[in-house]
N, C-alpha and C. Protein backbone atom coordinates (compact mmCIF):
# COMPACT_ATOMS: atom_id res chain seq x y z
N MET A 1 232.29 151.15 22.71
CA MET A 1 232.60 152.36 22.02
C MET A 1 234.10 152.59 22.11
N SER A 2 234.62 153.07 21.02
CA SER A 2 236.05 153.33 21.04
C SER A 2 236.32 154.67 21.72
N ARG A 3 237.54 154.80 22.17
CA ARG A 3 237.94 156.03 22.85
C ARG A 3 237.81 157.23 21.92
N LEU A 4 238.06 157.08 20.64
CA LEU A 4 237.94 158.14 19.65
C LEU A 4 236.49 158.56 19.49
N THR A 5 235.56 157.64 19.51
CA THR A 5 234.13 157.96 19.39
C THR A 5 233.66 158.74 20.61
N VAL A 6 234.11 158.35 21.80
CA VAL A 6 233.73 159.04 23.02
C VAL A 6 234.27 160.48 22.99
N LEU A 7 235.52 160.65 22.59
CA LEU A 7 236.10 161.99 22.51
C LEU A 7 235.40 162.84 21.47
N ALA A 8 235.06 162.27 20.33
CA ALA A 8 234.36 163.02 19.28
C ALA A 8 232.98 163.44 19.76
N THR A 9 232.26 162.55 20.47
CA THR A 9 230.94 162.87 20.99
C THR A 9 231.03 163.98 22.05
N ALA A 10 232.01 163.88 22.94
CA ALA A 10 232.20 164.89 23.98
C ALA A 10 232.53 166.25 23.35
N PHE A 11 233.35 166.21 22.32
CA PHE A 11 233.72 167.46 21.64
C PHE A 11 232.49 168.09 20.99
N CYS A 12 231.64 167.31 20.36
CA CYS A 12 230.42 167.83 19.72
C CYS A 12 229.47 168.43 20.76
N VAL A 13 229.33 167.77 21.90
CA VAL A 13 228.47 168.28 22.97
C VAL A 13 229.03 169.61 23.49
N LEU A 14 230.31 169.68 23.70
CA LEU A 14 230.95 170.90 24.16
C LEU A 14 230.79 172.02 23.15
N LEU A 15 231.00 171.72 21.88
CA LEU A 15 230.87 172.71 20.83
C LEU A 15 229.43 173.22 20.74
N ALA A 16 228.47 172.37 20.87
CA ALA A 16 227.06 172.78 20.81
C ALA A 16 226.70 173.69 21.98
N SER A 17 227.21 173.41 23.16
CA SER A 17 226.87 174.23 24.32
C SER A 17 227.54 175.60 24.25
N VAL A 18 228.73 175.67 23.68
CA VAL A 18 229.44 176.94 23.57
C VAL A 18 228.83 177.80 22.47
N SER A 19 228.40 177.23 21.36
CA SER A 19 227.88 178.02 20.25
C SER A 19 226.55 178.68 20.61
N GLY A 20 225.82 178.17 21.59
CA GLY A 20 224.56 178.77 22.01
C GLY A 20 224.74 179.80 23.10
N SER A 21 225.95 179.96 23.61
CA SER A 21 226.19 180.91 24.69
C SER A 21 226.40 182.31 24.14
N PRO A 22 226.02 183.34 24.92
CA PRO A 22 226.27 184.71 24.45
C PRO A 22 227.76 185.00 24.38
N VAL A 23 228.11 185.83 23.44
CA VAL A 23 229.51 186.19 23.25
C VAL A 23 229.72 187.58 23.84
N ALA A 24 230.72 187.72 24.67
CA ALA A 24 231.03 189.02 25.25
C ALA A 24 231.79 189.87 24.24
N THR A 25 231.45 191.15 24.18
CA THR A 25 232.15 192.06 23.29
C THR A 25 232.51 193.31 24.07
N ASN A 26 233.29 194.16 23.44
CA ASN A 26 233.63 195.43 24.06
C ASN A 26 232.56 196.48 23.85
N GLU A 27 231.58 196.20 22.98
CA GLU A 27 230.53 197.16 22.71
C GLU A 27 229.43 197.01 23.76
N THR A 28 228.83 198.13 24.12
CA THR A 28 227.71 198.10 25.04
C THR A 28 226.52 198.77 24.39
N ALA A 29 225.35 198.25 24.62
CA ALA A 29 224.14 198.84 24.09
C ALA A 29 223.62 199.86 25.10
N THR A 30 223.26 201.01 24.60
CA THR A 30 222.73 202.05 25.47
C THR A 30 221.24 202.18 25.20
N LEU A 31 220.44 201.98 26.20
CA LEU A 31 219.01 202.14 26.07
C LEU A 31 218.64 203.53 26.54
N GLU A 32 217.87 204.24 25.72
CA GLU A 32 217.46 205.58 26.11
C GLU A 32 216.28 205.51 27.04
N LYS A 33 216.32 206.31 28.06
CA LYS A 33 215.22 206.40 28.99
C LYS A 33 214.63 207.80 28.86
N ARG A 34 213.40 207.86 28.41
CA ARG A 34 212.75 209.14 28.26
C ARG A 34 211.78 209.35 29.41
N VAL A 35 211.91 210.47 30.04
CA VAL A 35 211.00 210.84 31.10
C VAL A 35 210.00 211.82 30.50
N THR A 36 208.73 211.48 30.59
CA THR A 36 207.69 212.36 30.08
C THR A 36 207.18 213.23 31.22
N HIS A 37 207.15 214.53 30.95
CA HIS A 37 206.69 215.51 31.93
C HIS A 37 205.32 216.01 31.51
N THR A 38 204.51 216.39 32.45
CA THR A 38 203.24 217.04 32.18
C THR A 38 203.25 218.37 32.90
N GLY A 39 202.94 219.41 32.17
CA GLY A 39 202.97 220.74 32.77
C GLY A 39 202.25 221.77 31.94
N ARG A 40 202.52 222.98 32.24
CA ARG A 40 201.87 224.12 31.62
C ARG A 40 202.64 224.52 30.36
N GLY A 41 201.92 224.78 29.29
CA GLY A 41 202.51 225.28 28.06
C GLY A 41 201.95 226.66 27.77
N THR A 42 202.83 227.62 27.57
CA THR A 42 202.43 228.98 27.23
C THR A 42 203.19 229.38 25.98
N TRP A 43 202.82 230.50 25.38
CA TRP A 43 203.56 230.96 24.20
C TRP A 43 204.22 232.30 24.50
N TYR A 44 205.28 232.56 23.74
CA TYR A 44 206.00 233.82 23.87
C TYR A 44 206.58 234.21 22.52
N GLU A 45 206.92 235.46 22.37
CA GLU A 45 207.54 235.92 21.13
C GLU A 45 209.04 235.65 21.22
N VAL A 46 209.52 234.87 20.28
CA VAL A 46 210.92 234.46 20.31
C VAL A 46 211.83 235.53 19.71
N GLY A 47 213.09 235.34 19.83
CA GLY A 47 214.12 236.25 19.30
C GLY A 47 215.45 235.60 19.54
N LEU A 48 216.38 236.33 20.11
CA LEU A 48 217.67 235.77 20.47
C LEU A 48 217.49 234.98 21.77
N GLY A 49 217.67 233.67 21.70
CA GLY A 49 217.46 232.81 22.87
C GLY A 49 218.74 232.59 23.66
N ALA A 50 218.58 232.00 24.82
CA ALA A 50 219.70 231.73 25.72
C ALA A 50 220.75 230.80 25.09
N CYS A 51 220.34 230.02 24.11
CA CYS A 51 221.28 229.12 23.44
C CYS A 51 222.15 229.86 22.41
N GLY A 52 221.84 231.14 22.18
CA GLY A 52 222.67 231.94 21.29
C GLY A 52 222.20 231.99 19.85
N TYR A 53 220.97 231.56 19.57
CA TYR A 53 220.44 231.56 18.21
C TYR A 53 219.29 232.55 18.09
N GLU A 54 219.24 233.21 16.96
CA GLU A 54 218.14 234.13 16.65
C GLU A 54 217.06 233.33 15.93
N ASN A 55 215.85 233.39 16.46
CA ASN A 55 214.72 232.70 15.84
C ASN A 55 213.58 233.67 15.61
N VAL A 56 212.62 233.23 14.80
CA VAL A 56 211.42 234.02 14.52
C VAL A 56 210.20 233.23 14.98
N ASP A 57 209.08 233.91 15.11
CA ASP A 57 207.87 233.30 15.66
C ASP A 57 207.34 232.13 14.84
N THR A 58 207.72 232.03 13.58
CA THR A 58 207.25 230.92 12.74
C THR A 58 208.08 229.65 12.94
N ASP A 59 209.23 229.76 13.62
CA ASP A 59 210.04 228.57 13.95
C ASP A 59 209.39 227.82 15.11
N TYR A 60 209.53 226.53 15.13
CA TYR A 60 208.99 225.72 16.24
C TYR A 60 210.03 225.67 17.35
N ILE A 61 209.94 226.64 18.26
CA ILE A 61 210.96 226.85 19.29
C ILE A 61 210.36 226.61 20.68
N VAL A 62 211.21 226.07 21.57
CA VAL A 62 210.81 225.81 22.96
C VAL A 62 211.81 226.47 23.89
N ALA A 63 211.27 227.07 24.95
CA ALA A 63 212.09 227.57 26.05
C ALA A 63 211.79 226.67 27.25
N ILE A 64 212.83 226.11 27.84
CA ILE A 64 212.65 225.22 28.99
C ILE A 64 212.98 225.95 30.28
N SER A 65 212.51 225.41 31.37
CA SER A 65 212.73 225.99 32.68
C SER A 65 214.22 226.18 32.95
N GLN A 66 214.54 227.25 33.65
CA GLN A 66 215.95 227.47 34.02
C GLN A 66 216.46 226.33 34.89
N ASP A 67 215.55 225.63 35.60
CA ASP A 67 215.96 224.48 36.41
C ASP A 67 216.51 223.35 35.54
N ILE A 68 215.92 223.16 34.38
CA ILE A 68 216.35 222.10 33.47
C ILE A 68 217.46 222.60 32.54
N TYR A 69 217.40 223.87 32.18
CA TYR A 69 218.37 224.45 31.24
C TYR A 69 219.80 224.29 31.74
N ALA A 70 220.03 224.55 33.01
CA ALA A 70 221.36 224.43 33.63
C ALA A 70 222.43 225.11 32.79
N ASP A 71 223.33 224.32 32.19
CA ASP A 71 224.43 224.89 31.40
C ASP A 71 224.13 224.88 29.90
N GLY A 72 222.89 224.63 29.53
CA GLY A 72 222.52 224.64 28.11
C GLY A 72 222.74 223.32 27.41
N GLY A 73 222.87 222.24 28.16
CA GLY A 73 223.12 220.93 27.56
C GLY A 73 222.01 220.43 26.65
N ASN A 74 220.81 220.98 26.77
CA ASN A 74 219.70 220.57 25.90
C ASN A 74 219.50 221.51 24.72
N CYS A 75 220.37 222.49 24.55
CA CYS A 75 220.24 223.40 23.41
C CYS A 75 220.24 222.62 22.10
N ASN A 76 219.33 222.98 21.22
CA ASN A 76 219.14 222.39 19.90
C ASN A 76 218.49 221.02 19.93
N GLN A 77 218.22 220.48 21.09
CA GLN A 77 217.58 219.17 21.17
C GLN A 77 216.08 219.33 20.91
N TYR A 78 215.53 218.39 20.17
CA TYR A 78 214.10 218.42 19.88
C TYR A 78 213.30 217.80 21.01
N MET A 79 212.08 218.27 21.12
CA MET A 79 211.15 217.75 22.12
C MET A 79 209.87 217.32 21.42
N ARG A 80 209.30 216.24 21.91
CA ARG A 80 207.97 215.81 21.47
C ARG A 80 207.00 216.41 22.46
N ILE A 81 206.03 217.16 21.96
CA ILE A 81 205.08 217.86 22.81
C ILE A 81 203.67 217.47 22.40
N GLU A 82 202.87 217.11 23.37
CA GLU A 82 201.48 216.74 23.10
C GLU A 82 200.54 217.63 23.90
N ASN A 83 199.53 218.15 23.21
CA ASN A 83 198.46 218.89 23.86
C ASN A 83 197.55 217.85 24.49
N THR A 84 197.50 217.78 25.80
CA THR A 84 196.74 216.71 26.47
C THR A 84 195.23 216.85 26.27
N ALA A 85 194.75 218.02 25.90
CA ALA A 85 193.32 218.23 25.71
C ALA A 85 192.81 217.62 24.41
N ASN A 86 193.66 217.61 23.37
CA ASN A 86 193.19 217.12 22.07
C ASN A 86 194.07 216.03 21.45
N GLY A 87 195.19 215.70 22.06
CA GLY A 87 196.07 214.65 21.56
C GLY A 87 196.96 215.05 20.40
N VAL A 88 196.93 216.31 20.01
CA VAL A 88 197.77 216.77 18.89
C VAL A 88 199.23 216.81 19.34
N VAL A 89 200.12 216.31 18.48
CA VAL A 89 201.55 216.24 18.77
C VAL A 89 202.31 217.12 17.78
N ALA A 90 203.32 217.80 18.29
CA ALA A 90 204.23 218.58 17.45
C ALA A 90 205.62 218.49 18.07
N TYR A 91 206.61 218.84 17.28
CA TYR A 91 208.00 218.78 17.73
C TYR A 91 208.61 220.18 17.69
N GLY A 92 209.30 220.54 18.76
CA GLY A 92 209.94 221.85 18.83
C GLY A 92 211.39 221.70 19.24
N GLN A 93 212.18 222.69 18.87
CA GLN A 93 213.61 222.66 19.17
C GLN A 93 213.91 223.57 20.36
N THR A 94 214.67 223.05 21.31
CA THR A 94 215.05 223.81 22.49
C THR A 94 216.09 224.85 22.11
N ARG A 95 215.73 226.14 22.28
CA ARG A 95 216.63 227.22 21.91
C ARG A 95 216.69 228.32 22.96
N ASP A 96 215.94 228.15 24.08
CA ASP A 96 215.86 229.24 25.04
C ASP A 96 215.54 228.67 26.42
N LYS A 97 215.67 229.54 27.43
CA LYS A 97 215.24 229.14 28.77
C LYS A 97 214.15 230.09 29.24
N CYS A 98 213.27 229.56 30.04
CA CYS A 98 212.13 230.31 30.56
C CYS A 98 212.39 230.61 32.02
N MET A 99 212.60 231.86 32.32
CA MET A 99 212.94 232.25 33.69
C MET A 99 211.76 232.07 34.64
N GLY A 100 210.53 232.22 34.17
CA GLY A 100 209.37 232.13 35.04
C GLY A 100 208.69 230.78 35.05
N CYS A 101 209.28 229.78 34.39
CA CYS A 101 208.65 228.45 34.30
C CYS A 101 209.11 227.55 35.43
N ASP A 102 208.18 226.75 35.96
CA ASP A 102 208.62 225.72 36.90
C ASP A 102 209.22 224.58 36.09
N ALA A 103 209.72 223.57 36.74
CA ALA A 103 210.50 222.52 36.07
C ALA A 103 209.76 221.80 34.94
N THR A 104 208.44 221.68 35.01
CA THR A 104 207.71 220.94 33.97
C THR A 104 207.01 221.84 32.97
N ALA A 105 207.07 223.15 33.17
CA ALA A 105 206.43 224.10 32.26
C ALA A 105 207.36 224.47 31.11
N ILE A 106 206.79 224.75 29.96
CA ILE A 106 207.58 225.17 28.79
C ILE A 106 206.89 226.35 28.11
N ASP A 107 207.69 227.19 27.48
CA ASP A 107 207.22 228.28 26.65
C ASP A 107 207.41 227.87 25.20
N LEU A 108 206.44 228.19 24.37
CA LEU A 108 206.46 227.77 22.97
C LEU A 108 206.37 228.99 22.06
N SER A 109 206.99 228.88 20.90
CA SER A 109 206.82 229.93 19.91
C SER A 109 205.35 229.94 19.48
N PRO A 110 204.84 231.09 19.00
CA PRO A 110 203.43 231.14 18.61
C PRO A 110 203.04 230.07 17.59
N SER A 111 203.90 229.82 16.61
CA SER A 111 203.57 228.81 15.59
C SER A 111 203.51 227.41 16.17
N LEU A 112 204.37 227.10 17.13
CA LEU A 112 204.35 225.78 17.76
C LEU A 112 203.11 225.64 18.64
N PHE A 113 202.76 226.69 19.35
CA PHE A 113 201.56 226.70 20.19
C PHE A 113 200.33 226.40 19.32
N GLU A 114 200.24 227.07 18.17
CA GLU A 114 199.11 226.86 17.25
C GLU A 114 199.17 225.48 16.60
N ALA A 115 200.37 224.96 16.35
CA ALA A 115 200.50 223.62 15.75
C ALA A 115 199.93 222.54 16.67
N LEU A 116 199.85 222.85 17.95
CA LEU A 116 199.26 221.90 18.91
C LEU A 116 197.74 222.02 18.96
N GLY A 117 197.18 222.78 18.04
CA GLY A 117 195.73 222.91 17.96
C GLY A 117 195.16 223.90 18.96
N ALA A 118 195.98 224.80 19.44
CA ALA A 118 195.54 225.79 20.43
C ALA A 118 195.46 227.16 19.78
N ASP A 119 194.65 228.01 20.36
CA ASP A 119 194.50 229.38 19.92
C ASP A 119 195.36 230.27 20.80
N LEU A 120 196.07 231.22 20.20
CA LEU A 120 196.92 232.11 20.99
C LEU A 120 196.11 232.86 22.05
N GLY A 121 194.84 233.09 21.78
CA GLY A 121 193.98 233.76 22.75
C GLY A 121 193.79 232.95 24.02
N ASP A 122 193.95 231.63 23.93
CA ASP A 122 193.83 230.79 25.12
C ASP A 122 195.02 231.03 26.05
N GLY A 123 196.19 231.21 25.47
CA GLY A 123 197.37 231.57 26.24
C GLY A 123 198.05 230.43 26.98
N VAL A 124 197.27 229.49 27.51
CA VAL A 124 197.84 228.42 28.33
C VAL A 124 197.17 227.10 27.95
N LEU A 125 197.95 226.04 27.93
CA LEU A 125 197.39 224.70 27.76
C LEU A 125 198.23 223.71 28.57
N THR A 126 197.68 222.55 28.78
CA THR A 126 198.41 221.50 29.47
C THR A 126 199.07 220.61 28.42
N VAL A 127 200.37 220.39 28.60
CA VAL A 127 201.13 219.60 27.64
C VAL A 127 201.88 218.48 28.36
N SER A 128 202.13 217.42 27.63
CA SER A 128 203.09 216.41 28.09
C SER A 128 204.23 216.46 27.08
N TRP A 129 205.44 216.29 27.58
CA TRP A 129 206.59 216.44 26.69
C TRP A 129 207.77 215.62 27.17
N HIS A 130 208.63 215.30 26.23
CA HIS A 130 209.92 214.68 26.56
C HIS A 130 210.94 215.04 25.49
N PHE A 131 212.20 214.99 25.87
CA PHE A 131 213.28 215.24 24.93
C PHE A 131 213.45 214.02 24.03
N MET A 132 213.74 214.28 22.76
CA MET A 132 214.09 213.22 21.83
C MET A 132 215.59 212.97 21.99
N SER A 133 216.10 211.92 21.36
CA SER A 133 217.53 211.66 21.44
C SER A 133 218.29 212.83 20.84
N LYS A 134 219.51 213.02 21.26
CA LYS A 134 220.31 214.19 20.85
C LYS A 134 220.46 214.32 19.34
N ASP A 135 220.52 213.22 18.62
CA ASP A 135 220.74 213.28 17.18
C ASP A 135 219.45 213.23 16.36
N TRP A 136 218.28 213.23 17.01
CA TRP A 136 217.00 213.13 16.32
C TRP A 136 216.61 214.48 15.72
N THR A 137 216.10 214.46 14.49
CA THR A 137 215.52 215.64 13.86
C THR A 137 214.24 215.22 13.15
N PRO A 138 213.28 216.14 13.10
CA PRO A 138 212.01 215.78 12.41
C PRO A 138 212.18 215.72 10.91
C-alpha cells in the first residue's frame, strides 16, 4: 500500500468517527419537572385576588396555599386539576392565595369546581393537580 492510500484511509476512519460524535453547543435543553400534588379542593366566591386581578365566579380561577404562593411567582399560571373520584380534568388559572389551605389544598371558583363534575353542595373533593409551564394556555 502506498503512503497516500494509508493516509487517505486513516483520514476517512477519523472523519467517520468524528461525524458520529455529539456536537457541543451553547444551547441547553431544559426539561420540565412537574410535581403532582393530591389534596383537598374546595370552592369559594372569587373577586379581587392576591395577584391583583378582579375575577368573577364563572372564570376558572384557583387560589393556592399561602405556603406555595410566596411572592406570587405562580400568578397567572395555569394548573391541571383532576377530580380523583371521577377522573374529570379541568384547567384553572392561579389568581389568588388561600389563607386557610395547607400546601396541597386549593380553592376553586364555583364554575371550575362544577367543571370537575362536582356539585357545589358537596363543598369538598379530592383533587390531584400540577402547574403547567409558565407559557401554557388552554
